[in-house]
C-alpha cells in the first residue's frame, strides 16, 4: 500500500490556481514533517515547501514564495499545497514527501514518497 497519495494536479493556464492534496494512509503521519518536491523534465528534484507536524514551521523555496501556501490537517492525515499565480515554469511532477524530523526534510532525508501528480501550466 502506497502510504502517500497525491491528487489535484492538472492543466491550468498561466495565472491560474491549483490545490494539491496528499493523503497519508497506513500509519500516523501526524508527527512527521510533510511537504512537496517537484521535478521538471531534465531538472533535479526541487524542494518546494514543507510544514512541520505542529504547523508551526514552514519552508518555501524562493521560486514559489509568496505564491504558494502549505497547510495540513492532522485529523485527516492530509497535507495541502495551494498554488496561485501559476507560471509555465511551475510545470513539473509534484511529489508528496514525509520525513521524521523537520531537519531531516530540509536535508532531503525523506522516509516516504508519493507517486507524483502532474501539474502543467500553459502560457
N, C-alpha and C. Protein backbone atom coordinates (compact mmCIF):
# COMPACT_ATOMS: atom_id res chain seq x y z
N UNK A 1 0.85 -1.19 0.00
CA UNK A 1 0.00 0.00 0.00
C UNK A 1 0.88 1.24 0.00
N UNK A 2 0.59 2.15 -0.95
CA UNK A 2 1.35 3.38 -1.04
C UNK A 2 0.92 4.28 0.11
N UNK A 3 1.87 4.71 0.94
CA UNK A 3 1.48 5.50 2.11
C UNK A 3 1.06 6.93 1.81
N UNK A 4 1.54 7.48 0.69
CA UNK A 4 1.22 8.87 0.35
C UNK A 4 0.60 8.90 -1.04
N UNK A 5 -0.57 9.48 -1.16
CA UNK A 5 -1.27 9.55 -2.44
C UNK A 5 -1.63 11.00 -2.75
N UNK A 6 -1.07 11.49 -3.87
CA UNK A 6 -1.33 12.88 -4.26
C UNK A 6 -2.55 12.98 -5.17
N UNK A 7 -3.16 14.14 -5.17
CA UNK A 7 -4.25 14.45 -6.09
C UNK A 7 -4.31 15.96 -6.29
N UNK A 8 -5.04 16.36 -7.31
CA UNK A 8 -5.24 17.79 -7.54
C UNK A 8 -4.44 18.38 -8.67
N UNK A 9 -3.55 17.60 -9.26
CA UNK A 9 -2.80 18.11 -10.39
C UNK A 9 -3.67 18.27 -11.62
N UNK A 10 -3.11 18.86 -12.66
CA UNK A 10 -3.87 19.03 -13.89
C UNK A 10 -3.27 20.10 -14.77
N UNK A 11 -4.05 20.51 -15.75
CA UNK A 11 -3.65 21.53 -16.70
C UNK A 11 -4.35 22.84 -16.35
N UNK A 12 -3.57 23.90 -16.26
CA UNK A 12 -4.12 25.20 -15.90
C UNK A 12 -3.40 26.27 -16.71
N UNK A 13 -4.09 27.35 -16.99
CA UNK A 13 -3.46 28.47 -17.71
C UNK A 13 -2.61 29.30 -16.75
N UNK A 14 -1.63 29.94 -17.31
CA UNK A 14 -0.79 30.83 -16.52
C UNK A 14 -1.65 31.85 -15.79
N UNK A 15 -1.32 32.08 -14.53
CA UNK A 15 -2.10 32.97 -13.69
C UNK A 15 -3.17 32.27 -12.89
N UNK A 16 -3.42 31.02 -13.21
CA UNK A 16 -4.45 30.25 -12.52
C UNK A 16 -3.96 29.66 -11.21
N UNK A 17 -4.84 28.87 -10.59
CA UNK A 17 -4.54 28.28 -9.28
C UNK A 17 -4.85 26.79 -9.30
N UNK A 18 -4.16 26.07 -8.44
CA UNK A 18 -4.43 24.67 -8.19
C UNK A 18 -4.20 24.39 -6.71
N UNK A 19 -4.92 23.40 -6.19
CA UNK A 19 -4.64 22.94 -4.83
C UNK A 19 -4.31 21.47 -4.89
N UNK A 20 -3.11 21.14 -4.48
CA UNK A 20 -2.69 19.76 -4.40
C UNK A 20 -3.00 19.21 -3.01
N UNK A 21 -3.37 17.95 -2.99
CA UNK A 21 -3.62 17.27 -1.72
C UNK A 21 -2.78 16.01 -1.64
N UNK A 22 -2.38 15.67 -0.44
CA UNK A 22 -1.63 14.44 -0.21
C UNK A 22 -2.24 13.74 0.99
N UNK A 23 -2.82 12.59 0.73
CA UNK A 23 -3.45 11.81 1.79
C UNK A 23 -2.51 10.70 2.23
N UNK A 24 -2.25 10.66 3.50
CA UNK A 24 -1.37 9.64 4.07
C UNK A 24 -2.22 8.52 4.65
N UNK A 25 -1.78 7.30 4.46
CA UNK A 25 -2.54 6.16 4.97
C UNK A 25 -1.58 5.09 5.48
N UNK A 26 -2.11 4.24 6.28
CA UNK A 26 -1.34 3.10 6.74
C UNK A 26 -0.54 3.33 8.00
N UNK A 27 -0.31 4.56 8.36
CA UNK A 27 0.42 4.87 9.59
C UNK A 27 0.14 6.32 9.95
N UNK A 28 0.35 6.67 11.19
CA UNK A 28 0.09 8.06 11.59
C UNK A 28 1.22 8.98 11.16
N UNK A 29 0.90 9.90 10.29
CA UNK A 29 1.89 10.87 9.83
C UNK A 29 1.79 12.19 10.58
N UNK A 30 0.95 12.22 11.59
CA UNK A 30 0.72 13.49 12.27
C UNK A 30 1.99 14.03 12.92
N UNK A 31 2.94 13.16 13.24
CA UNK A 31 4.17 13.64 13.87
C UNK A 31 5.29 13.88 12.87
N UNK A 32 5.02 13.64 11.58
CA UNK A 32 6.04 13.80 10.55
C UNK A 32 6.01 15.20 9.96
N UNK A 33 7.15 15.64 9.49
CA UNK A 33 7.19 16.81 8.62
C UNK A 33 6.78 16.36 7.22
N UNK A 34 5.85 17.10 6.63
CA UNK A 34 5.32 16.77 5.32
C UNK A 34 5.64 17.91 4.35
N UNK A 35 5.66 17.58 3.08
CA UNK A 35 5.90 18.65 2.13
C UNK A 35 5.82 18.19 0.70
N UNK A 36 6.30 19.06 -0.18
CA UNK A 36 6.21 18.83 -1.61
C UNK A 36 7.54 19.12 -2.28
N UNK A 37 7.92 18.20 -3.14
CA UNK A 37 9.02 18.40 -4.07
C UNK A 37 8.41 18.45 -5.47
N UNK A 38 9.19 18.95 -6.41
CA UNK A 38 8.76 18.89 -7.80
C UNK A 38 9.96 18.61 -8.69
N UNK A 39 9.66 17.99 -9.84
CA UNK A 39 10.72 17.68 -10.79
C UNK A 39 10.22 17.90 -12.20
N UNK A 40 10.89 18.81 -12.88
CA UNK A 40 10.59 19.07 -14.29
C UNK A 40 11.53 18.23 -15.15
N UNK A 41 11.15 17.97 -16.38
CA UNK A 41 12.00 17.15 -17.26
C UNK A 41 13.41 17.73 -17.40
N UNK A 42 14.39 16.89 -17.18
CA UNK A 42 15.77 17.30 -17.33
C UNK A 42 16.32 18.11 -16.17
N UNK A 43 15.53 18.25 -15.11
CA UNK A 43 15.97 19.05 -13.97
C UNK A 43 16.01 18.21 -12.70
N UNK A 44 16.75 18.69 -11.72
CA UNK A 44 16.82 18.00 -10.44
C UNK A 44 15.52 18.20 -9.67
N UNK A 45 15.26 17.27 -8.75
CA UNK A 45 14.07 17.39 -7.91
C UNK A 45 14.29 18.55 -6.94
N UNK A 46 13.31 19.43 -6.88
CA UNK A 46 13.39 20.65 -6.09
C UNK A 46 12.46 20.59 -4.89
N UNK A 47 12.98 20.97 -3.74
CA UNK A 47 12.16 21.08 -2.53
C UNK A 47 11.34 22.35 -2.64
N UNK A 48 10.03 22.22 -2.69
CA UNK A 48 9.15 23.37 -2.91
C UNK A 48 8.62 23.94 -1.60
N UNK A 49 8.13 23.08 -0.72
CA UNK A 49 7.51 23.56 0.51
C UNK A 49 7.48 22.44 1.54
N UNK A 50 7.46 22.84 2.81
CA UNK A 50 7.41 21.87 3.90
C UNK A 50 6.67 22.47 5.08
N UNK A 51 6.11 21.59 5.91
CA UNK A 51 5.42 22.03 7.12
C UNK A 51 5.67 21.00 8.20
N UNK A 52 6.06 21.46 9.37
CA UNK A 52 6.32 20.50 10.44
C UNK A 52 5.02 20.02 11.06
N UNK A 53 5.11 19.08 11.99
CA UNK A 53 3.89 18.41 12.44
C UNK A 53 2.99 19.31 13.26
N UNK A 54 3.55 20.36 13.86
CA UNK A 54 2.73 21.28 14.63
C UNK A 54 2.17 22.40 13.76
N UNK A 55 2.63 22.44 12.49
CA UNK A 55 2.31 23.52 11.57
C UNK A 55 2.90 24.84 12.04
N UNK A 56 3.86 24.76 12.96
CA UNK A 56 4.48 25.98 13.45
C UNK A 56 5.65 26.45 12.60
N UNK A 57 6.20 25.55 11.81
CA UNK A 57 7.31 25.91 10.94
C UNK A 57 6.98 25.52 9.51
N UNK A 58 7.26 26.44 8.61
CA UNK A 58 7.06 26.17 7.19
C UNK A 58 8.30 26.61 6.42
N UNK A 59 8.46 25.98 5.28
CA UNK A 59 9.56 26.32 4.38
C UNK A 59 8.98 26.48 2.98
N UNK A 60 9.49 27.47 2.25
CA UNK A 60 9.13 27.66 0.84
C UNK A 60 10.40 27.96 0.05
N UNK A 61 10.48 27.38 -1.12
CA UNK A 61 11.59 27.72 -1.99
C UNK A 61 11.37 29.14 -2.52
N UNK A 62 12.45 29.78 -2.90
CA UNK A 62 12.35 31.13 -3.45
C UNK A 62 11.47 31.16 -4.70
N UNK A 63 11.44 30.05 -5.42
CA UNK A 63 10.70 30.02 -6.67
C UNK A 63 9.18 30.07 -6.48
N UNK A 64 8.69 29.72 -5.28
CA UNK A 64 7.24 29.72 -5.06
C UNK A 64 6.82 30.63 -3.91
N UNK A 65 7.77 31.19 -3.20
CA UNK A 65 7.46 32.02 -2.04
C UNK A 65 6.55 33.18 -2.45
N UNK A 66 5.48 33.35 -1.68
CA UNK A 66 4.54 34.42 -1.98
C UNK A 66 3.41 33.99 -2.90
N UNK A 67 3.56 32.84 -3.53
CA UNK A 67 2.53 32.35 -4.45
C UNK A 67 1.88 31.06 -3.96
N UNK A 68 2.52 30.39 -3.02
CA UNK A 68 2.02 29.10 -2.55
C UNK A 68 1.85 29.11 -1.04
N UNK A 69 0.95 28.26 -0.57
CA UNK A 69 0.73 28.12 0.87
C UNK A 69 0.55 26.64 1.18
N UNK A 70 1.33 26.16 2.14
CA UNK A 70 1.22 24.77 2.56
C UNK A 70 0.46 24.71 3.87
N UNK A 71 -0.37 23.70 4.02
CA UNK A 71 -1.13 23.53 5.25
C UNK A 71 -1.35 22.03 5.47
N UNK A 72 -1.82 21.69 6.65
CA UNK A 72 -2.07 20.29 6.95
C UNK A 72 -3.25 20.15 7.88
N UNK A 73 -3.90 19.02 7.79
CA UNK A 73 -4.99 18.65 8.69
C UNK A 73 -4.60 17.29 9.27
N UNK A 74 -4.09 17.30 10.48
CA UNK A 74 -3.61 16.06 11.09
C UNK A 74 -4.76 15.08 11.38
N UNK A 75 -5.95 15.61 11.60
CA UNK A 75 -7.09 14.71 11.83
C UNK A 75 -7.41 13.91 10.58
N UNK A 76 -7.16 14.51 9.42
CA UNK A 76 -7.41 13.84 8.15
C UNK A 76 -6.15 13.23 7.55
N UNK A 77 -5.02 13.40 8.24
CA UNK A 77 -3.75 12.86 7.73
C UNK A 77 -3.48 13.36 6.31
N UNK A 78 -3.74 14.64 6.10
CA UNK A 78 -3.64 15.21 4.75
C UNK A 78 -2.86 16.52 4.80
N UNK A 79 -2.04 16.72 3.78
CA UNK A 79 -1.31 17.97 3.61
C UNK A 79 -1.71 18.58 2.26
N UNK A 80 -1.77 19.90 2.22
CA UNK A 80 -2.24 20.61 1.04
C UNK A 80 -1.18 21.60 0.55
N UNK A 81 -1.19 21.85 -0.74
CA UNK A 81 -0.37 22.91 -1.30
C UNK A 81 -1.26 23.74 -2.22
N UNK A 82 -1.57 24.95 -1.77
CA UNK A 82 -2.34 25.89 -2.58
C UNK A 82 -1.37 26.68 -3.44
N UNK A 83 -1.54 26.61 -4.74
CA UNK A 83 -0.63 27.29 -5.66
C UNK A 83 -1.42 28.33 -6.46
N UNK A 84 -0.98 29.57 -6.36
CA UNK A 84 -1.63 30.68 -7.05
C UNK A 84 -0.66 31.33 -8.04
N UNK A 85 -1.21 32.14 -8.91
CA UNK A 85 -0.40 32.87 -9.90
C UNK A 85 0.60 31.94 -10.58
N UNK A 86 0.09 30.81 -11.04
CA UNK A 86 0.96 29.79 -11.62
C UNK A 86 1.62 30.28 -12.90
N UNK A 87 2.86 29.81 -13.10
CA UNK A 87 3.66 30.19 -14.25
C UNK A 87 4.02 28.94 -15.04
N UNK A 88 4.33 29.08 -16.31
CA UNK A 88 4.74 27.89 -17.08
C UNK A 88 5.93 27.16 -16.46
N UNK A 89 6.81 27.89 -15.79
CA UNK A 89 7.97 27.25 -15.16
C UNK A 89 7.60 26.43 -13.93
N UNK A 90 6.35 26.50 -13.51
CA UNK A 90 5.89 25.65 -12.42
C UNK A 90 5.51 24.25 -12.92
N UNK A 91 5.53 24.06 -14.23
CA UNK A 91 5.20 22.77 -14.81
C UNK A 91 6.19 21.71 -14.35
N UNK A 92 5.66 20.65 -13.74
CA UNK A 92 6.51 19.60 -13.18
C UNK A 92 5.62 18.49 -12.62
N UNK A 93 6.26 17.39 -12.26
CA UNK A 93 5.59 16.38 -11.44
C UNK A 93 5.83 16.76 -9.99
N UNK A 94 4.76 16.86 -9.23
CA UNK A 94 4.84 17.24 -7.83
C UNK A 94 4.70 15.99 -6.96
N UNK A 95 5.67 15.83 -6.06
CA UNK A 95 5.73 14.66 -5.20
C UNK A 95 5.50 15.07 -3.75
N UNK A 96 4.62 14.34 -3.09
CA UNK A 96 4.46 14.50 -1.66
C UNK A 96 5.57 13.73 -0.96
N UNK A 97 6.05 14.26 0.16
CA UNK A 97 7.16 13.63 0.86
C UNK A 97 6.95 13.76 2.36
N UNK A 98 7.50 12.80 3.09
CA UNK A 98 7.39 12.80 4.55
C UNK A 98 8.73 12.42 5.16
N UNK A 99 9.09 13.15 6.21
CA UNK A 99 10.31 12.86 6.94
C UNK A 99 10.03 12.90 8.42
N UNK A 100 10.80 12.15 9.17
CA UNK A 100 10.52 12.04 10.59
C UNK A 100 10.73 13.37 11.32
N UNK A 101 11.73 14.13 10.89
CA UNK A 101 12.02 15.41 11.55
C UNK A 101 12.15 16.52 10.51
N UNK A 102 11.89 17.75 10.94
CA UNK A 102 11.96 18.92 10.06
C UNK A 102 13.36 19.06 9.47
N UNK A 103 14.37 18.86 10.31
CA UNK A 103 15.75 18.97 9.82
C UNK A 103 16.05 17.89 8.80
N UNK A 104 15.50 16.70 8.99
CA UNK A 104 15.69 15.63 8.01
C UNK A 104 15.09 16.03 6.67
N UNK A 105 13.90 16.61 6.71
CA UNK A 105 13.24 17.01 5.48
C UNK A 105 14.09 18.01 4.71
N UNK A 106 14.57 19.02 5.41
CA UNK A 106 15.37 20.04 4.73
C UNK A 106 16.68 19.47 4.21
N UNK A 107 17.14 18.39 4.82
CA UNK A 107 18.36 17.72 4.36
C UNK A 107 18.05 16.66 3.31
N UNK A 108 16.77 16.59 2.90
CA UNK A 108 16.32 15.62 1.89
C UNK A 108 16.44 14.18 2.36
N UNK A 109 16.40 13.98 3.65
CA UNK A 109 16.38 12.62 4.18
C UNK A 109 14.91 12.21 4.31
N UNK A 110 14.34 11.88 3.16
CA UNK A 110 12.92 11.61 3.06
C UNK A 110 12.65 10.13 3.32
N UNK A 111 11.68 9.87 4.18
CA UNK A 111 11.36 8.48 4.51
C UNK A 111 10.30 7.90 3.58
N UNK A 112 9.36 8.74 3.17
CA UNK A 112 8.28 8.27 2.30
C UNK A 112 8.06 9.26 1.15
N UNK A 113 7.80 8.70 -0.03
CA UNK A 113 7.46 9.49 -1.22
C UNK A 113 6.12 9.05 -1.77
N UNK A 114 5.40 10.02 -2.32
CA UNK A 114 4.22 9.68 -3.10
C UNK A 114 4.64 9.36 -4.53
N UNK A 115 3.66 9.00 -5.33
CA UNK A 115 3.94 8.61 -6.71
C UNK A 115 3.95 9.80 -7.66
N UNK A 116 3.49 10.95 -7.21
CA UNK A 116 3.56 12.15 -8.02
C UNK A 116 2.27 12.48 -8.74
N UNK A 117 2.07 13.78 -8.95
CA UNK A 117 0.94 14.25 -9.72
C UNK A 117 1.44 15.34 -10.67
N UNK A 118 1.00 15.28 -11.92
CA UNK A 118 1.49 16.19 -12.94
C UNK A 118 0.75 17.53 -12.85
N UNK A 119 1.54 18.60 -12.87
CA UNK A 119 1.00 19.95 -12.98
C UNK A 119 1.56 20.56 -14.26
N UNK A 120 0.67 21.00 -15.13
CA UNK A 120 1.08 21.62 -16.38
C UNK A 120 0.46 23.00 -16.48
N UNK A 121 1.30 24.00 -16.66
CA UNK A 121 0.82 25.38 -16.77
C UNK A 121 1.08 25.86 -18.19
N UNK A 122 0.02 26.20 -18.88
CA UNK A 122 0.15 26.66 -20.26
C UNK A 122 0.28 28.19 -20.30
N UNK A 123 1.03 28.66 -21.28
CA UNK A 123 1.23 30.11 -21.39
C UNK A 123 0.16 30.76 -22.24
